[in-house]
Amino acid sequence: MSSTVYDSLLFRDMFGTPGMRDVFSDEAYVRRIIDTETALARAEAAVGLVPADAAARITATASFEGLDQERLRRETDIVGYPILPIVEQLSEQCGDDGGFIHWGATTQDIMDTATMLQCKEGLRIVGEQLDAVRAAVAGLAEAHLNTITAGRTHLQHALPVTFGFRAAVWLSALDRHSERLAQVAQRALMVQFGGAAGTLASLGTGPEGLEVRAGLAAELGLRDPEITWHVARDGVTEIVTLLASVGASLGKIALDVMLMCSSEFGEAAEPFVMGRGASSTMPQKRNPISCELMLAAAKMLRDKSSTMLDAMIQDFERATGPWHLEWATVPESFLLISSSLHQAEFMLSGLEVDADRMRANTRLTGGLIVAEAVMMAVAPALGRQRAHTVVYGACKAAIESRTTLEEQLLAEPILVEKLGAARIHGLCEPSGYLGSAGEMTKQVLAAHGR
């Protein structure tokens, strides 16, 4: 039986996706280790450190299928790392050529590089998923460019906005995350090859060490760094922190949608699937399951980011413990963000939006939502502070008497004198006080390519 939500038969697709699990499976990791070892042999052959024919035979012979998995598990538990057990078995597979495997490398070189290859594929998947979510959000912003809804601050009605504007705010953050994903891939996906203390001393004092590292990077499609990063973990931390940031933006969307789905708001609903979000006792329930999972992922990813920041503090040229934190944190971070993005695409691409309920909700407070509109309209005549005081009094009277703001505004002689009844009536229409919401929404959509 599994012991975590990441591999549980019941929960694993709520906290990961099959595609991302494949990327970070044991088999995938060991295959990336073999890829690194064989690429290293080829890179070293290119500069004359390893016989070219031996490197070719190593590449052709070393295989995952030839490994004794139970032996590998047992010996990894004894050694504390999988590289020595893997290298021993690969060397056995390759016979006399096996002596050239792992030439000049250290365990962390191979493990870090294998992790970078996993992260490379993981970031590609995240990018594709994020593109799908961005497309869904852009569709909402475009479709609801003129859908009036209540803008809320501190969970209170503030000013009228459009649902398109709200979705465009979501989209703007996701578009920036898309840019960051491209940047982090260029900056942080680095090959690791430094030898025992990071100096490449085992390859001599000539240029061969750096030439091998550059060749290894080229073989694997990773960046060749300026210096060994065994204890400079900012790149891995940046990747995880970015995933956490994307997750937090998705969590913000989830929170907004969950609130709109509440019975009192009734402005939105997650896509209907028979039985989804059902209660075991209350037949009427339609709980926002996707939003709940997105919010949970955001909170869990925050802790992953925190763990990585802690793991950056490492001693001298090789860490005593902090590196091990990454072994759990990196795969789990990718699983969580892939799940959150999957849930977001499902939820947002089929989100049911009740435009009529949104507009009706702007009237819940009897017009108080446009109080600022009236204040700013009369401010040129009365001065801003006096205008605020007069309109504030009208708002107070409307709340206490349970009448509308328009009724109380019309009861203020100074407002009628300066604005007139017709102007007051027009100012009480929410659609007339949207500012630049529409234009900003269009600008976000244009930047997105819509």
Protein backbone atom coordinates (compact mmCIF):
# COMPACT_ATOMS: atom_id res chain seq x y z
CA MET A 1 0.00 0.00 0.00
CA SER A 2 1.23 3.51 -0.76
CA SER A 3 1.85 5.93 2.06
CA THR A 4 1.64 9.36 0.39
CA VAL A 5 -0.88 11.21 -1.74
CA TYR A 6 1.70 11.35 -4.56
CA ASP A 7 1.62 7.62 -5.23
CA SER A 8 -1.73 6.68 -3.69
CA LEU A 9 -4.13 4.87 -6.01
CA LEU A 10 -6.91 7.01 -4.51
CA PHE A 11 -5.29 10.44 -4.43
CA ARG A 12 -2.36 10.50 -6.86
CA ASP A 13 -4.29 12.16 -9.71
CA MET A 14 -5.41 14.90 -7.31
CA PHE A 15 -1.79 15.71 -6.39
CA GLY A 16 -0.04 14.99 -9.67
CA THR A 17 -0.59 13.89 -13.26
CA PRO A 18 0.42 10.67 -15.02
CA GLY A 19 2.74 12.56 -17.36
CA MET A 20 4.63 14.27 -14.57
CA ARG A 21 4.82 11.07 -12.53
CA ASP A 22 6.50 9.45 -15.52
CA VAL A 23 9.11 12.22 -15.64
CA PHE A 24 9.98 11.80 -11.96
CA SER A 25 9.61 8.04 -11.66
CA ASP A 26 12.48 5.85 -10.43
CA GLU A 27 12.88 4.43 -13.92
CA ALA A 28 13.05 7.86 -15.54
CA TYR A 29 15.61 9.04 -12.98
CA VAL A 30 17.86 6.02 -13.47
CA ARG A 31 17.58 6.38 -17.25
CA ARG A 32 18.66 10.02 -16.97
CA ILE A 33 21.63 8.88 -14.86
CA ILE A 34 22.60 6.42 -17.61
CA ASP A 35 22.11 9.15 -20.22
CA THR A 36 24.51 11.35 -18.25
CA GLU A 37 27.14 8.66 -17.82
CA THR A 38 27.12 7.70 -21.51
CA ALA A 39 27.15 11.36 -22.60
CA LEU A 40 30.12 11.94 -20.29
CA ALA A 41 32.02 9.11 -21.97
CA ARG A 42 31.35 10.62 -25.40
CA ALA A 43 32.37 14.11 -24.26
CA GLU A 44 35.60 12.76 -22.80
CA ALA A 45 36.28 10.79 -25.96
CA ALA A 46 35.94 14.00 -27.96
CA VAL A 47 38.94 15.50 -26.12
CA GLY A 48 40.96 12.30 -26.02
CA LEU A 49 40.50 11.32 -22.39
CA VAL A 50 38.56 8.15 -23.23
CA PRO A 51 39.03 5.92 -26.29
CA ALA A 52 36.41 6.79 -28.87
CA ASP A 53 35.55 3.16 -29.58
CA ALA A 54 35.08 2.51 -25.85
CA ALA A 55 32.72 5.49 -25.55
CA ALA A 56 30.72 4.21 -28.51
CA ARG A 57 30.44 0.74 -27.01
CA ILE A 58 29.48 2.18 -23.59
CA THR A 59 26.71 4.18 -25.25
CA ALA A 60 25.46 1.12 -27.11
CA THR A 61 25.73 -1.33 -24.21
CA ALA A 62 24.82 0.51 -20.98
CA SER A 63 21.10 0.00 -20.42
CA PHE A 64 18.39 0.32 -17.84
CA GLU A 65 17.00 -3.07 -18.83
CA GLY A 66 20.29 -4.71 -17.86
CA LEU A 67 20.15 -3.49 -14.26
CA ASP A 68 19.24 -5.74 -11.36
CA GLN A 69 16.64 -3.51 -9.72
CA GLU A 70 16.52 -5.30 -6.39
CA ARG A 71 20.29 -5.22 -6.10
CA LEU A 72 20.23 -1.52 -6.98
CA ARG A 73 17.64 -0.83 -4.28
CA ARG A 74 19.55 -2.79 -1.67
CA GLU A 75 22.95 -1.27 -2.44
CA THR A 76 21.56 2.28 -2.68
CA ASP A 77 20.18 1.87 0.82
CA ILE A 78 23.63 0.78 2.02
CA VAL A 79 25.67 3.41 0.18
CA GLY A 80 23.23 6.28 0.67
CA TYR A 81 23.33 7.25 -3.02
CA PRO A 82 22.41 5.34 -6.18
CA ILE A 83 25.37 6.32 -8.38
CA LEU A 84 28.03 3.88 -7.17
CA PRO A 85 25.64 0.90 -7.40
CA ILE A 86 24.52 1.98 -10.88
CA VAL A 87 28.09 2.57 -12.10
CA GLU A 88 29.15 -0.85 -10.83
CA GLN A 89 26.36 -2.57 -12.74
CA LEU A 90 26.95 -0.50 -15.89
CA SER A 91 30.63 -1.36 -15.72
CA GLU A 92 29.74 -5.03 -15.51
CA GLN A 93 27.48 -4.64 -18.54
CA CYS A 94 30.28 -3.00 -20.53
CA GLY A 95 33.08 -5.41 -19.67
CA ASP A 96 36.57 -4.02 -20.31
CA ASP A 97 35.09 -0.70 -21.45
CA GLY A 98 33.42 -0.31 -18.06
CA GLY A 99 36.60 1.14 -16.63
CA PHE A 100 35.98 4.33 -18.58
CA ILE A 101 32.51 4.92 -17.12
CA HIS A 102 32.20 7.79 -14.60
CA TRP A 103 35.71 9.01 -15.51
CA GLY A 104 36.61 12.04 -13.37
CA ALA A 105 33.04 12.48 -12.09
CA THR A 106 31.62 12.49 -8.60
CA THR A 107 28.24 11.25 -7.40
CA GLN A 108 26.69 14.68 -7.17
CA ASP A 109 27.76 15.54 -10.73
CA ILE A 110 25.66 12.71 -12.09
CA MET A 111 22.71 13.11 -9.73
CA ASP A 112 22.44 16.86 -10.27
CA THR A 113 22.68 16.52 -14.03
CA ALA A 114 20.04 13.77 -14.06
CA THR A 115 17.79 16.02 -11.97
CA MET A 116 18.34 18.87 -14.41
CA LEU A 117 17.26 16.61 -17.27
CA GLN A 118 14.10 15.76 -15.33
CA CYS A 119 13.49 19.43 -14.59
CA LYS A 120 13.97 20.25 -18.27
CA GLU A 121 11.21 17.86 -19.26
CA GLY A 122 9.09 18.90 -16.29
CA LEU A 123 9.32 22.56 -17.23
CA ARG A 124 8.33 21.71 -20.80
CA ILE A 125 5.18 20.01 -19.53
CA VAL A 126 4.42 22.86 -17.13
CA GLY A 127 4.81 25.34 -19.98
CA GLU A 128 2.33 23.45 -22.15
CA GLN A 129 -0.15 23.16 -19.30
CA LEU A 130 0.22 26.84 -18.47
CA ASP A 131 -0.44 27.76 -22.10
CA ALA A 132 -3.70 25.82 -21.98
CA VAL A 133 -4.78 27.57 -18.77
CA ARG A 134 -3.85 30.97 -20.19
CA ALA A 135 -5.96 30.27 -23.27
CA ALA A 136 -8.94 29.39 -21.07
CA VAL A 137 -8.55 32.56 -18.99
CA ALA A 138 -8.13 34.69 -22.11
CA GLY A 139 -11.38 33.24 -23.41
CA LEU A 140 -13.18 34.29 -20.23
CA ALA A 141 -11.72 37.80 -20.35
CA GLU A 142 -12.76 38.20 -23.96
CA ALA A 143 -16.24 36.75 -23.53
CA HIS A 144 -16.99 38.86 -20.47
CA LEU A 145 -15.45 42.16 -21.51
CA ASN A 146 -18.72 43.93 -20.69
CA THR A 147 -20.13 41.65 -17.98
CA ILE A 148 -20.79 43.93 -15.00
CA THR A 149 -19.95 42.52 -11.58
CA ALA A 150 -19.23 43.82 -8.13
CA GLY A 151 -15.61 44.68 -7.47
CA ARG A 152 -14.86 43.68 -3.91
CA THR A 153 -12.20 44.91 -1.49
CA HIS A 154 -11.94 43.39 1.99
CA LEU A 155 -14.87 41.19 0.82
CA GLN A 156 -17.09 44.28 0.68
CA HIS A 157 -18.62 45.86 -2.41
CA ALA A 158 -16.19 48.51 -3.60
CA LEU A 159 -16.82 49.65 -7.19
CA PRO A 160 -18.31 48.06 -10.30
CA VAL A 161 -15.87 46.13 -12.47
CA THR A 162 -16.34 43.64 -15.26
CA PHE A 163 -15.75 39.93 -14.96
CA GLY A 164 -13.56 40.29 -18.03
CA PHE A 165 -11.37 42.74 -16.10
CA ARG A 166 -11.06 40.29 -13.21
CA ALA A 167 -10.10 37.48 -15.59
CA ALA A 168 -7.60 39.76 -17.34
CA VAL A 169 -5.90 40.43 -14.02
CA TRP A 170 -5.56 36.66 -13.60
CA LEU A 171 -4.25 36.37 -17.15
CA SER A 172 -1.66 39.12 -16.74
CA ALA A 173 0.01 37.20 -13.91
CA LEU A 174 -0.07 33.91 -15.81
CA ASP A 175 1.44 35.57 -18.89
CA ARG A 176 4.31 36.90 -16.77
CA HIS A 177 4.81 33.41 -15.36
CA SER A 178 5.08 32.11 -18.91
CA GLU A 179 7.93 34.56 -19.52
CA ARG A 180 9.59 33.50 -16.28
CA LEU A 181 9.42 29.83 -17.27
CA ALA A 182 11.34 30.56 -20.46
CA GLN A 183 13.89 32.60 -18.52
CA VAL A 184 14.41 30.03 -15.76
CA ALA A 185 14.94 27.29 -18.34
CA GLN A 186 17.76 29.29 -19.91
CA ARG A 187 19.31 30.31 -16.61
CA ALA A 188 18.89 27.36 -14.24
CA LEU A 189 19.06 24.21 -16.37
CA MET A 190 22.82 23.72 -15.98
CA VAL A 191 25.00 20.67 -16.41
CA GLN A 192 26.94 19.64 -13.31
CA PHE A 193 30.51 18.37 -13.70
CA GLY A 194 33.19 19.33 -11.24
CA GLY A 195 34.65 16.19 -9.70
CA ALA A 196 35.31 15.56 -6.03
CA ALA A 197 35.64 19.16 -4.81
CA GLY A 198 34.34 20.93 -7.90
CA THR A 199 37.75 21.79 -9.39
CA LEU A 200 37.96 19.07 -12.08
CA ALA A 201 41.42 18.25 -10.72
CA SER A 202 41.04 14.59 -11.74
CA LEU A 203 41.19 15.65 -15.40
CA GLY A 204 44.44 17.57 -14.99
CA THR A 205 45.39 21.22 -15.10
CA GLY A 206 44.91 21.70 -18.82
CA PRO A 207 41.80 22.77 -20.70
CA GLU A 208 40.40 19.25 -20.99
CA GLY A 209 38.21 19.46 -17.88
CA LEU A 210 36.32 22.53 -19.04
CA GLU A 211 36.15 21.14 -22.58
CA VAL A 212 34.54 17.96 -21.26
CA ARG A 213 32.04 19.93 -19.24
CA ALA A 214 31.11 22.01 -22.29
CA GLY A 215 30.81 18.87 -24.38
CA LEU A 216 28.65 17.17 -21.77
CA ALA A 217 26.36 20.20 -21.67
CA ALA A 218 26.04 20.16 -25.45
CA GLU A 219 25.32 16.42 -25.48
CA LEU A 220 22.47 16.82 -22.99
CA GLY A 221 21.07 20.17 -24.11
CA LEU A 222 21.90 21.92 -20.84
CA ARG A 223 23.70 25.18 -20.13
CA ASP A 224 27.44 25.07 -19.46
CA PRO A 225 27.93 27.09 -16.25
CA GLU A 226 30.93 29.23 -15.48
CA ILE A 227 31.78 27.26 -12.35
CA THR A 228 30.70 24.18 -10.43
CA TRP A 229 27.44 24.68 -8.51
CA HIS A 230 27.59 21.78 -6.05
CA VAL A 231 26.82 24.12 -3.15
CA ALA A 232 25.30 27.04 -5.05
CA ARG A 233 21.73 25.83 -5.23
CA ASP A 234 20.06 29.02 -6.43
CA GLY A 235 19.15 27.48 -9.79
CA VAL A 236 17.20 24.55 -8.37
CA THR A 237 15.64 26.86 -5.79
CA GLU A 238 14.61 29.30 -8.49
CA ILE A 239 12.83 26.53 -10.38
CA VAL A 240 10.89 25.35 -7.33
CA THR A 241 10.13 28.89 -6.19
CA LEU A 242 8.78 29.72 -9.63
CA LEU A 243 6.55 26.65 -9.53
CA ALA A 244 5.32 27.79 -6.13
CA SER A 245 4.65 31.27 -7.51
CA VAL A 246 2.64 29.86 -10.41
CA GLY A 247 0.77 27.70 -7.91
CA ALA A 248 0.01 30.75 -5.76
CA SER A 249 -1.43 32.62 -8.77
CA LEU A 250 -3.61 29.60 -9.49
CA GLY A 251 -4.58 29.54 -5.82
CA LYS A 252 -5.71 33.17 -6.06
CA ILE A 253 -7.89 32.28 -9.05
CA ALA A 254 -9.27 29.29 -7.13
CA LEU A 255 -10.15 31.45 -4.14
CA ASP A 256 -11.98 34.00 -6.31
CA VAL A 257 -13.94 31.30 -8.13
CA MET A 258 -14.77 29.44 -4.90
CA LEU A 259 -16.26 32.61 -3.44
CA MET A 260 -18.23 33.28 -6.62
CA CYS A 261 -19.51 29.69 -6.45
CA SER A 262 -20.88 30.15 -2.93
CA SER A 263 -24.67 30.07 -2.62
CA GLU A 264 -24.81 33.68 -1.45
CA PHE A 265 -22.88 34.89 -4.51
CA GLY A 266 -24.18 32.40 -7.06
CA GLU A 267 -22.13 34.02 -9.81
CA ALA A 268 -20.23 30.98 -11.10
CA ALA A 269 -20.07 27.22 -10.97
CA GLU A 270 -17.42 24.68 -11.85
CA PRO A 271 -18.15 22.53 -14.92
CA PHE A 272 -20.84 19.97 -14.23
CA VAL A 273 -19.80 16.32 -14.19
CA MET A 274 -22.21 13.79 -12.74
CA GLY A 275 -21.21 13.10 -9.16
CA ARG A 276 -18.32 15.59 -9.01
CA GLY A 277 -18.35 17.56 -5.79
CA ALA A 278 -21.24 15.52 -4.44
CA SER A 279 -21.90 15.05 -0.74
CA SER A 280 -22.56 11.69 0.91
CA THR A 281 -25.47 13.21 2.86
CA MET A 282 -26.63 16.39 1.09
CA PRO A 283 -28.01 15.70 -2.40
CA GLN A 284 -27.96 19.38 -3.37
CA LYS A 285 -24.20 19.84 -2.97
CA ARG A 286 -21.95 20.78 -5.89
CA ASN A 287 -18.67 21.55 -4.19
CA PRO A 288 -15.87 23.38 -6.09
CA ILE A 289 -13.48 20.43 -6.05
CA SER A 290 -11.00 21.71 -8.64
CA CYS A 291 -10.65 25.01 -6.80
CA GLU A 292 -10.13 23.21 -3.52
CA LEU A 293 -7.32 21.12 -5.00
CA MET A 294 -5.71 24.20 -6.58
CA LEU A 295 -5.78 26.00 -3.25
CA ALA A 296 -4.33 22.97 -1.44
CA ALA A 297 -1.53 22.73 -4.03
CA ALA A 298 -0.72 26.42 -3.60
CA LYS A 299 -0.31 25.97 0.15
CA MET A 300 1.80 22.83 -0.23
CA LEU A 301 4.00 24.46 -2.87
CA ARG A 302 4.67 27.37 -0.53
CA ASP A 303 6.26 24.91 1.89
CA LYS A 304 8.33 23.38 -0.90
CA SER A 305 9.73 26.81 -1.72
CA SER A 306 10.54 27.40 1.93
CA THR A 307 12.33 24.06 2.13
CA MET A 308 14.45 24.91 -0.91
CA LEU A 309 15.46 28.24 0.56
CA ASP A 310 16.60 26.39 3.67
CA ALA A 311 18.49 23.87 1.54
CA MET A 312 20.51 26.66 -0.09
CA ILE A 313 22.53 27.11 3.10
CA GLN A 314 25.30 24.56 2.56
CA ASP A 315 28.74 24.05 4.03
CA PHE A 316 31.96 24.60 2.09
CA GLU A 317 32.38 22.58 -1.16
CA ARG A 318 29.92 19.77 -0.43
CA ALA A 319 26.84 19.87 1.74
CA THR A 320 26.24 17.75 4.83
CA GLY A 321 22.53 17.07 4.54
CA PRO A 322 20.74 20.01 2.85
CA TRP A 323 21.16 18.47 -0.62
CA HIS A 324 19.00 15.54 0.43
CA LEU A 325 16.03 17.85 0.95
CA GLU A 326 15.90 18.41 -2.80
CA TRP A 327 15.39 14.72 -3.53
CA ALA A 328 11.86 14.89 -2.13
CA THR A 329 11.08 18.55 -2.75
CA VAL A 330 11.82 18.86 -6.48
CA PRO A 331 9.67 15.92 -7.69
CA GLU A 332 6.81 16.78 -5.35
CA SER A 333 6.84 20.41 -6.51
CA PHE A 334 6.50 19.37 -10.14
CA LEU A 335 3.73 16.91 -9.28
CA LEU A 336 1.78 19.55 -7.36
CA ILE A 337 2.00 22.24 -10.03
CA SER A 338 1.07 19.80 -12.78
CA SER A 339 -2.02 18.79 -10.80
CA SER A 340 -2.98 22.40 -10.11
CA LEU A 341 -2.62 23.34 -13.77
CA HIS A 342 -4.66 20.31 -14.81
CA GLN A 343 -7.46 21.25 -12.42
CA ALA A 344 -7.29 24.90 -13.53
CA GLU A 345 -7.65 24.04 -17.20
CA PHE A 346 -10.64 21.80 -16.51
CA MET A 347 -12.32 24.34 -14.26
CA LEU A 348 -11.67 27.50 -16.27
CA SER A 349 -12.34 26.06 -19.72
CA GLY A 350 -15.81 25.01 -18.64
CA LEU A 351 -16.60 27.62 -15.98
CA GLU A 352 -20.29 28.46 -15.85
CA VAL A 353 -20.68 32.22 -15.45
CA ASP A 354 -24.05 33.71 -14.45
CA ALA A 355 -23.85 37.23 -15.87
CA ASP A 356 -27.38 38.08 -14.73
CA ARG A 357 -26.60 37.12 -11.15
CA MET A 358 -23.40 39.14 -11.27
CA ARG A 359 -25.27 42.24 -12.36
CA ALA A 360 -28.05 41.64 -9.84
CA ASN A 361 -25.48 41.38 -7.07
CA THR A 362 -24.24 44.90 -7.81
CA ARG A 363 -27.62 46.08 -6.50
CA LEU A 364 -27.48 44.16 -3.24
CA THR A 365 -26.48 47.25 -1.29
CA GLY A 366 -29.08 49.52 -2.81
CA GLY A 367 -26.61 51.41 -4.98
CA LEU A 368 -23.86 51.97 -2.43
CA ILE A 369 -21.40 50.48 -4.91
CA VAL A 370 -21.46 53.72 -6.93
CA ALA A 371 -20.97 56.07 -3.99
CA GLU A 372 -17.52 57.06 -5.20
CA ALA A 373 -18.94 57.94 -8.61
CA VAL A 374 -21.27 60.49 -7.01
CA MET A 375 -18.56 61.84 -4.74
CA MET A 376 -16.13 62.39 -7.62
CA ALA A 377 -18.86 63.95 -9.77
CA VAL A 378 -19.72 66.61 -7.19
CA ALA A 379 -16.18 67.11 -5.89
CA PRO A 380 -15.30 69.82 -8.45
CA ALA A 381 -18.16 71.93 -7.07
CA LEU A 382 -17.85 71.15 -3.34
CA GLY A 383 -14.23 70.11 -2.95
CA ARG A 384 -13.28 66.52 -2.40
CA GLN A 385 -13.50 66.42 1.40
CA ARG A 386 -16.92 68.08 1.63
CA ALA A 387 -18.18 65.88 -1.21
CA HIS A 388 -16.99 62.84 0.72
CA THR A 389 -18.77 64.00 3.87
CA VAL A 390 -22.08 64.66 2.10
CA VAL A 391 -22.10 61.35 0.20
CA TYR A 392 -20.94 59.49 3.31
CA GLY A 393 -23.97 60.88 5.14
CA ALA A 394 -26.25 59.72 2.34
CA CYS A 395 -24.71 56.25 2.47
CA LYS A 396 -25.20 56.10 6.25
CA ALA A 397 -28.82 57.15 5.92
CA ALA A 398 -29.45 54.55 3.20
CA ILE A 399 -28.00 51.77 5.34
CA GLU A 400 -29.90 52.76 8.46
CA SER A 401 -33.22 53.31 6.71
CA ARG A 402 -32.78 50.38 4.33
CA THR A 403 -33.52 52.58 1.36
CA THR A 404 -31.47 53.11 -1.78
CA LEU A 405 -28.54 55.42 -2.12
CA GLU A 406 -30.31 57.25 -4.95
CA GLU A 407 -33.23 58.09 -2.66
CA GLN A 408 -30.92 59.54 -0.04
CA LEU A 409 -28.88 61.46 -2.62
CA LEU A 410 -32.06 63.09 -3.91
CA ALA A 411 -32.84 64.09 -0.31
CA GLU A 412 -29.62 66.15 -0.15
CA PRO A 413 -30.43 69.65 -1.50
CA ILE A 414 -26.80 70.49 -2.21
CA LEU A 415 -26.42 67.41 -4.40
CA VAL A 416 -29.59 68.10 -6.31
CA GLU A 417 -28.48 71.71 -6.77
CA LYS A 418 -25.03 70.85 -8.05
CA LEU A 419 -25.81 67.70 -10.03
CA GLY A 420 -29.53 67.62 -10.78
CA ALA A 421 -31.86 64.63 -10.39
CA ALA A 422 -31.19 63.24 -13.88
CA ARG A 423 -27.41 63.28 -13.35
CA ILE A 424 -27.79 61.61 -9.97
CA HIS A 425 -29.91 58.90 -11.56
CA GLY A 426 -27.28 58.32 -14.25
CA LEU A 427 -24.48 58.17 -11.70
CA CYS A 428 -26.32 55.39 -9.89
CA GLU A 429 -25.98 53.07 -12.90
CA PRO A 430 -23.03 50.69 -12.23
CA SER A 431 -22.12 50.33 -15.91
CA GLY A 432 -21.34 54.03 -16.05
CA TYR A 433 -18.46 53.86 -13.60
CA LEU A 434 -15.98 51.35 -15.01
CA GLY A 435 -13.07 53.69 -15.63
CA SER A 436 -10.43 52.10 -17.86
CA ALA A 437 -11.40 48.51 -17.03
CA GLY A 438 -12.36 47.73 -20.61
CA GLU A 439 -9.27 49.28 -22.13
CA MET A 440 -6.93 47.54 -19.69
CA THR A 441 -8.64 44.22 -20.40
CA LYS A 442 -8.13 44.76 -24.13
CA GLN A 443 -4.48 45.63 -23.55
CA VAL A 444 -3.89 42.38 -21.65
CA LEU A 445 -5.65 40.41 -24.38
CA ALA A 446 -3.61 42.16 -27.07
CA ALA A 447 -0.35 41.40 -25.22
CA HIS A 448 -1.51 37.81 -24.93
CA GLY A 449 -2.11 37.69 -28.67
CA ARG A 450 -5.92 37.76 -28.77
